[in-house]
Amino acid sequence: MTEQELQNLVMTISQRDFGRAFRHQARFNGRLRTTGGRYLLQSHHIEFNPKVYEQYGIEELVRVIKHELCHYHLHLTGRGYQHRDRDFKELLQKTGGSRYVQPLTEANYRTYRCQKCGSLIQRKRKVDTKRYVCGRCRGRLVEVEESK
């Protein structure tokens, strides 16, 4: 999806579901990691994580667009635009936007095997195998492979 297609999609959803025009820029921001999108208070532009579209498709992207448009329209009309505000929660429910985006990144786990008892241990952080031992039998650990 190009940035122009994204802009047109946001404008269409805004007019159709909110009854108001979207007069600012919508763009992809590849630096976003864990969030689906963000509304910028100063410029009123909206940025979206391209991974949402790549991993989950157009349906999830539309739900994220509705979420960010709730922030946008409520902020411009002077109503409660934050996640905790009743106005935001009601508008989000009414338009069918998502409260949370589905997980965008999977943590990389390292797998270790105990040489004595054979048990498998998974850790996100690398383990110093010269310093740490198996918690069950105090056997020596060996890294098996990196897995997702």
Protein backbone atom coordinates (compact mmCIF):
# COMPACT_ATOMS: atom_id res chain seq x y z
CA MET A 1 0.00 0.00 0.00
CA THR A 2 1.39 3.41 -0.96
CA GLU A 3 1.22 6.53 1.18
CA GLN A 4 -1.33 8.05 -1.23
CA GLU A 5 -3.56 4.97 -0.91
CA LEU A 6 -3.25 5.23 2.87
CA GLN A 7 -4.19 8.93 2.74
CA ASN A 8 -7.25 8.18 0.60
CA LEU A 9 -8.30 5.31 2.89
CA VAL A 10 -8.05 7.51 6.00
CA MET A 11 -10.05 10.30 4.31
CA THR A 12 -12.73 7.83 3.21
CA ILE A 13 -13.07 6.23 6.66
CA SER A 14 -13.15 9.63 8.32
CA GLN A 15 -15.98 10.89 6.13
CA ARG A 16 -17.96 7.63 6.16
CA ASP A 17 -17.68 6.63 9.84
CA PHE A 18 -17.16 9.96 11.59
CA GLY A 19 -19.07 12.32 9.28
CA ARG A 20 -16.10 14.72 9.27
CA ALA A 21 -13.29 15.41 6.85
CA PHE A 22 -9.68 14.48 7.58
CA ARG A 23 -7.64 17.52 6.57
CA HIS A 24 -4.13 16.51 7.57
CA GLN A 25 -1.51 13.97 6.53
CA ALA A 26 -1.62 10.21 7.09
CA ARG A 27 1.66 8.38 6.55
CA PHE A 28 3.54 5.23 7.37
CA ASN A 29 6.35 5.38 9.92
CA GLY A 30 8.59 2.32 9.90
CA ARG A 31 10.26 3.37 13.15
CA LEU A 32 7.14 2.55 15.18
CA ARG A 33 7.81 -0.75 16.94
CA THR A 34 5.03 -1.84 19.28
CA THR A 35 2.23 0.58 18.49
CA GLY A 36 -0.12 0.43 15.53
CA GLY A 37 -0.24 4.16 15.00
CA ARG A 38 -0.06 7.55 16.68
CA TYR A 39 -1.84 10.86 16.48
CA LEU A 40 0.48 13.86 16.69
CA LEU A 41 -1.08 16.58 18.85
CA GLN A 42 0.94 19.50 17.48
CA SER A 43 0.65 18.90 13.73
CA HIS A 44 -2.56 16.79 13.78
CA HIS A 45 -0.93 14.29 11.41
CA ILE A 46 -1.38 10.56 11.94
CA GLU A 47 1.36 7.96 11.54
CA PHE A 48 0.81 4.24 11.08
CA ASN A 49 3.07 1.26 11.56
CA PRO A 50 3.45 -0.49 8.17
CA LYS A 51 3.81 -3.85 9.97
CA VAL A 52 0.10 -3.78 10.82
CA TYR A 53 -0.80 -3.95 7.13
CA GLU A 54 2.01 -6.39 6.27
CA GLN A 55 1.27 -8.88 9.06
CA TYR A 56 -2.51 -8.63 9.50
CA GLY A 57 -3.92 -7.06 6.34
CA ILE A 58 -6.39 -4.31 5.55
CA GLU A 59 -9.00 -5.23 8.20
CA GLU A 60 -6.64 -4.68 11.13
CA LEU A 61 -5.27 -1.51 9.51
CA VAL A 62 -8.83 -0.12 9.24
CA ARG A 63 -9.40 -0.77 12.97
CA VAL A 64 -6.16 1.07 13.80
CA ILE A 65 -7.15 3.95 11.50
CA LYS A 66 -10.49 4.25 13.33
CA HIS A 67 -8.66 4.28 16.67
CA GLU A 68 -6.36 7.11 15.59
CA LEU A 69 -9.24 9.03 13.99
CA CYS A 70 -11.04 8.92 17.34
CA HIS A 71 -8.05 10.74 18.89
CA TYR A 72 -7.97 13.15 15.94
CA HIS A 73 -11.63 14.17 15.86
CA LEU A 74 -12.08 14.35 19.63
CA HIS A 75 -8.96 16.49 20.04
CA LEU A 76 -10.02 18.92 17.31
CA THR A 77 -13.51 19.27 18.82
CA GLY A 78 -12.15 19.87 22.33
CA ARG A 79 -13.48 16.66 23.86
CA GLY A 80 -11.70 13.93 25.83
CA TYR A 81 -9.30 12.34 23.35
CA GLN A 82 -7.15 10.27 25.72
CA HIS A 83 -7.54 6.51 26.21
CA ARG A 84 -8.97 6.95 29.71
CA ASP A 85 -11.67 9.46 28.67
CA ARG A 86 -15.30 8.40 28.37
CA ASP A 87 -15.73 10.32 25.09
CA PHE A 88 -12.89 8.34 23.55
CA LYS A 89 -14.16 4.97 24.75
CA GLU A 90 -17.70 5.67 23.52
CA LEU A 91 -16.61 6.89 20.08
CA LEU A 92 -14.23 3.95 19.69
CA GLN A 93 -17.07 1.53 20.53
CA LYS A 94 -19.46 3.31 18.18
CA THR A 95 -17.09 3.28 15.18
CA GLY A 96 -15.67 -0.21 15.72
CA GLY A 97 -12.04 0.74 16.17
CA SER A 98 -9.64 -1.51 18.03
CA ARG A 99 -8.56 -0.71 21.57
CA TYR A 100 -5.24 -2.53 21.15
CA VAL A 101 -3.25 -3.60 18.12
CA GLN A 102 -2.33 -7.26 17.75
CA PRO A 103 1.29 -8.09 18.64
CA LEU A 104 3.65 -6.81 15.96
CA THR A 105 6.94 -8.36 16.96
CA GLU A 106 7.79 -11.76 18.29
CA ALA A 107 10.51 -11.89 20.89
CA ASN A 108 13.62 -13.82 19.93
CA TYR A 109 14.24 -16.60 22.41
CA ARG A 110 17.45 -18.50 22.95
CA THR A 111 17.15 -22.17 23.80
CA TYR A 112 19.59 -23.93 26.12
CA ARG A 113 19.84 -27.65 26.92
CA CYS A 114 21.22 -29.10 30.11
CA GLN A 115 23.93 -31.66 29.32
CA LYS A 116 23.20 -33.63 32.48
CA CYS A 117 19.38 -33.94 32.63
CA GLY A 118 18.48 -32.82 29.08
CA SER A 119 15.90 -30.23 30.10
CA LEU A 120 15.29 -27.28 27.76
CA ILE A 121 15.43 -23.70 28.99
CA GLN A 122 14.27 -20.68 26.96
CA ARG A 123 15.45 -17.16 27.69
CA LYS A 124 15.12 -13.83 25.90
CA ARG A 125 18.51 -12.70 27.13
CA LYS A 126 21.70 -14.51 26.40
CA VAL A 127 22.90 -16.68 29.29
CA ASP A 128 26.57 -16.88 30.22
CA THR A 129 26.97 -20.67 30.09
CA LYS A 130 30.30 -20.53 31.93
CA ARG A 131 28.68 -18.84 34.91
CA TYR A 132 25.13 -20.24 35.05
CA VAL A 133 24.02 -23.87 35.40
CA CYS A 134 20.76 -25.81 35.21
CA GLY A 135 18.36 -24.96 38.02
CA ARG A 136 17.20 -28.58 38.36
CA CYS A 137 20.39 -30.57 38.50
CA ARG A 138 23.19 -27.97 38.35
CA GLY A 139 24.40 -29.46 35.03
CA ARG A 140 26.22 -27.50 32.34
CA LEU A 141 24.10 -25.52 29.79
CA VAL A 142 24.72 -25.49 26.04
CA GLU A 143 22.95 -23.20 23.57
CA VAL A 144 20.93 -25.26 21.13
CA GLU A 145 19.64 -22.73 18.61
CA GLU A 146 18.03 -19.35 18.27
CA SER A 147 14.30 -19.63 17.75
CA LYS A 148 11.33 -17.35 17.55
